[in-house]
Protein backbone atom coordinates (compact mmCIF):
# COMPACT_ATOMS: atom_id res chain seq x y z
CA MET A 1 246.78 37.73 189.21
CA THR A 2 244.35 34.86 189.81
CA ARG A 3 242.33 35.84 186.76
CA TRP A 4 245.42 35.70 184.55
CA LEU A 5 246.42 32.33 185.98
CA VAL A 6 242.96 30.82 185.42
CA GLY A 7 242.87 32.32 181.92
CA ALA A 8 246.29 30.86 181.07
CA VAL A 9 245.21 27.41 182.29
CA GLY A 10 242.04 27.68 180.17
CA VAL A 11 243.99 28.68 177.06
CA ALA A 12 246.48 25.85 177.66
CA CYS A 13 243.65 23.32 178.00
CA GLY A 14 242.03 24.61 174.82
CA LEU A 15 245.29 24.36 172.87
CA TRP A 16 245.89 20.83 174.18
CA GLY A 17 242.40 19.79 173.11
CA ALA A 18 242.92 21.32 169.67
CA TRP A 19 246.25 19.45 169.33
CA LEU A 20 244.55 16.17 170.23
CA ALA A 21 241.66 16.80 167.80
CA LEU A 22 243.92 17.85 164.91
CA PRO A 23 244.32 14.32 163.45
CA LEU A 24 240.52 13.92 163.44
CA VAL A 25 239.83 17.15 161.52
CA SER A 26 239.44 17.00 157.77
CA TRP A 27 239.46 19.85 155.28
CA SER A 28 235.78 19.38 154.65
CA PHE A 29 235.12 20.03 158.34
CA VAL A 30 237.28 23.19 158.28
CA ILE A 31 235.46 24.43 155.18
CA TRP A 32 232.09 23.67 156.78
CA LEU A 33 233.11 25.45 159.99
CA ALA A 34 234.39 28.55 158.15
CA SER A 35 231.49 28.72 155.71
CA GLY A 36 228.89 29.66 158.36
CA PRO A 37 230.41 33.03 159.33
CA LEU A 38 231.41 33.69 155.73
CA VAL A 39 227.89 33.06 154.39
CA HIS A 40 226.47 35.22 157.16
CA ASP A 41 228.82 38.15 156.55
CA VAL A 42 228.70 38.04 152.75
CA LEU A 43 225.07 37.08 152.09
CA VAL A 44 222.74 37.10 155.09
CA ALA A 45 223.75 40.34 156.84
CA PRO A 46 223.66 42.53 153.69
CA LEU A 47 220.38 40.92 152.61
CA VAL A 48 218.74 41.54 155.99
CA GLY A 49 220.09 45.09 156.08
CA GLY A 50 218.78 45.80 152.58
CA ILE A 51 215.36 44.37 153.41
CA GLY A 52 215.32 46.48 156.58
CA LEU A 53 216.04 49.65 154.58
CA LEU A 54 213.35 48.79 152.04
CA VAL A 55 210.82 48.18 154.80
CA TYR A 56 211.78 51.42 156.53
CA HIS A 57 211.29 53.48 153.36
CA ALA A 58 208.32 51.60 151.90
CA CYS A 59 206.08 51.30 154.96
CA PRO A 60 204.19 54.02 156.75
CA PRO A 61 206.04 55.17 159.88
CA ARG A 62 203.49 53.63 162.24
CA TRP A 63 204.06 50.19 160.68
CA ALA A 64 207.78 50.23 159.87
CA ASP A 65 209.12 49.25 163.28
CA LEU A 66 206.45 46.59 163.78
CA ILE A 67 207.13 45.01 160.40
CA ALA A 68 210.87 45.09 161.05
CA ALA A 69 210.34 43.33 164.39
CA GLY A 70 208.09 40.77 162.70
CA LEU A 71 210.69 40.12 160.00
CA ALA A 72 213.46 39.74 162.57
CA THR A 73 211.37 37.33 164.65
CA SER A 74 210.43 35.38 161.54
CA GLY A 75 214.10 35.10 160.60
CA VAL A 76 215.04 33.77 164.03
CA LEU A 77 212.21 31.23 163.94
CA GLY A 78 213.33 30.14 160.49
CA LEU A 79 216.92 29.71 161.63
CA ILE A 80 215.80 27.63 164.59
CA ALA A 81 213.68 25.43 162.32
CA VAL A 82 216.29 24.91 159.57
CA PRO A 83 218.03 21.87 161.13
CA LEU A 84 214.73 20.10 161.67
CA LEU A 85 213.31 20.96 158.26
CA TRP A 86 216.57 20.33 156.37
CA ALA A 87 216.74 16.58 156.95
CA PRO A 88 213.19 15.22 156.96
CA ASN A 89 214.46 11.65 156.47
CA ALA A 90 216.84 11.73 159.43
CA PRO A 91 216.63 8.79 161.82
CA SER A 92 213.81 9.31 164.24
CA ASN A 93 214.39 9.86 167.92
CA PRO A 94 211.10 9.02 169.64
CA GLY A 95 209.72 12.00 171.50
CA LEU A 96 212.01 14.48 169.81
CA HIS A 97 211.49 14.30 166.06
CA ASP A 98 207.96 13.01 165.90
CA ARG A 99 206.40 16.38 165.17
CA ALA A 100 205.31 18.25 162.08
CA TYR A 101 207.95 20.99 162.23
CA GLY A 102 206.81 22.69 159.05
CA LEU A 103 203.31 23.07 160.45
CA GLY A 104 204.74 24.26 163.78
CA LEU A 105 206.85 26.88 162.02
CA LEU A 106 203.83 28.11 160.07
CA ALA A 107 201.78 28.34 163.27
CA ALA A 108 204.52 30.31 165.06
CA LEU A 109 204.87 32.66 162.07
CA GLY A 110 201.09 33.11 162.02
CA VAL A 111 201.13 34.13 165.68
CA VAL A 112 204.01 36.57 165.09
CA TRP A 113 202.27 38.30 162.19
CA LEU A 114 198.93 38.31 164.00
CA VAL A 115 200.60 40.18 166.86
CA VAL A 116 202.18 42.60 164.37
CA ALA A 117 198.77 43.24 162.77
CA VAL A 118 196.96 43.71 166.08
CA LEU A 119 199.61 46.08 167.43
CA GLY A 120 199.69 48.01 164.15
CA LEU A 121 195.93 48.44 164.04
CA ALA A 122 195.75 49.36 167.72
CA ARG A 123 198.49 51.97 167.41
CA LYS A 124 197.27 55.51 167.06
CA ASP A 125 198.56 57.45 164.11
CA ALA A 126 200.89 60.22 165.26
CA ALA A 127 199.41 62.62 162.68
CA ASN A 128 195.91 62.25 164.17
CA ARG A 129 196.93 62.99 167.74
CA PRO A 130 196.00 66.44 169.00
CA GLU A 131 198.88 68.62 170.01
CA PRO A 132 199.07 69.27 173.75
CA ALA A 133 197.71 72.68 174.63
CA GLU A 134 200.46 75.10 175.52
CA HIS A 135 199.82 77.17 178.60
CA ASP A 136 201.67 80.32 177.66
CA SER A 137 199.67 83.34 178.71
CA ALA A 138 201.28 86.69 179.39
CA ASP A 139 200.11 86.64 183.03
CA ASP A 140 202.00 83.45 183.80
CA ARG A 141 205.27 84.50 182.22
CA ASP A 142 207.97 86.29 184.15
CA ASP A 143 210.28 88.22 181.85
CA SER A 144 212.96 88.36 184.50
CA GLY A 145 213.83 84.66 184.32
CA GLY A 146 210.72 82.92 185.58
CA GLY A 147 211.26 80.20 188.10
CA ARG A 148 214.99 80.77 188.32
CA VAL A 149 214.47 84.03 190.17
CA GLU A 150 212.13 82.34 192.61
CA HIS A 151 214.65 79.56 193.19
CA ALA A 152 217.42 82.06 193.77
CA GLU A 153 215.29 84.03 196.26
CA HIS A 154 214.31 80.79 197.99
CA ALA A 155 217.95 79.75 198.28
CA ASP A 156 218.88 83.17 199.71
CA ALA A 157 216.14 82.88 202.33
CA HIS A 158 217.46 79.47 203.39
CA ALA A 159 221.00 80.81 203.57
CA LYS A 160 219.85 83.64 205.86
CA GLN A 161 217.99 81.18 208.09
CA ASP A 162 221.04 78.94 208.27
CA GLY A 163 223.24 81.90 209.16
CA GLN A 164 220.89 83.00 211.90
CA HIS A 165 220.71 79.45 213.20
CA GLN A 166 224.49 79.18 213.26
CA GLN A 167 224.77 82.50 215.12
CA GLY A 168 222.24 81.31 217.69
CA LEU A 169 224.33 78.22 218.38
CA THR A 170 227.54 80.10 219.09
């Protein structure tokens, strides 16, 4: 009940704020606000999915997941850097915008791809790994069910001991 009450108050406050902000909102703002999800769903997501499929089919299996992780990390770094790279002539805020963001982005991307390369080269190829030796000699096998028989016999022995113990108590 309390959760519903708090939720209703929150929704009411949000609607009141939207009502107060309505005169300040222009169509250009609404278009700008709606264009982000639309651009993502129509352009970015299919493009990233297509690149991911190409990478998966074009790269050797030992590199595919590393390259996909590197591409995803590069995309996130690029998205974080877009606002700072987009407006290079924006008014300066001392201590915040006095950096070379393009150079910083290139350095971060260099570190990401260096890690991808090191991990890829350090990874052993699955085809070169020796298969584990199977220990399957005829002496070790029990045709009557193997360990299950032993477990059943062990459980029966415990049941007999418990029965004898219970009889001794009465």
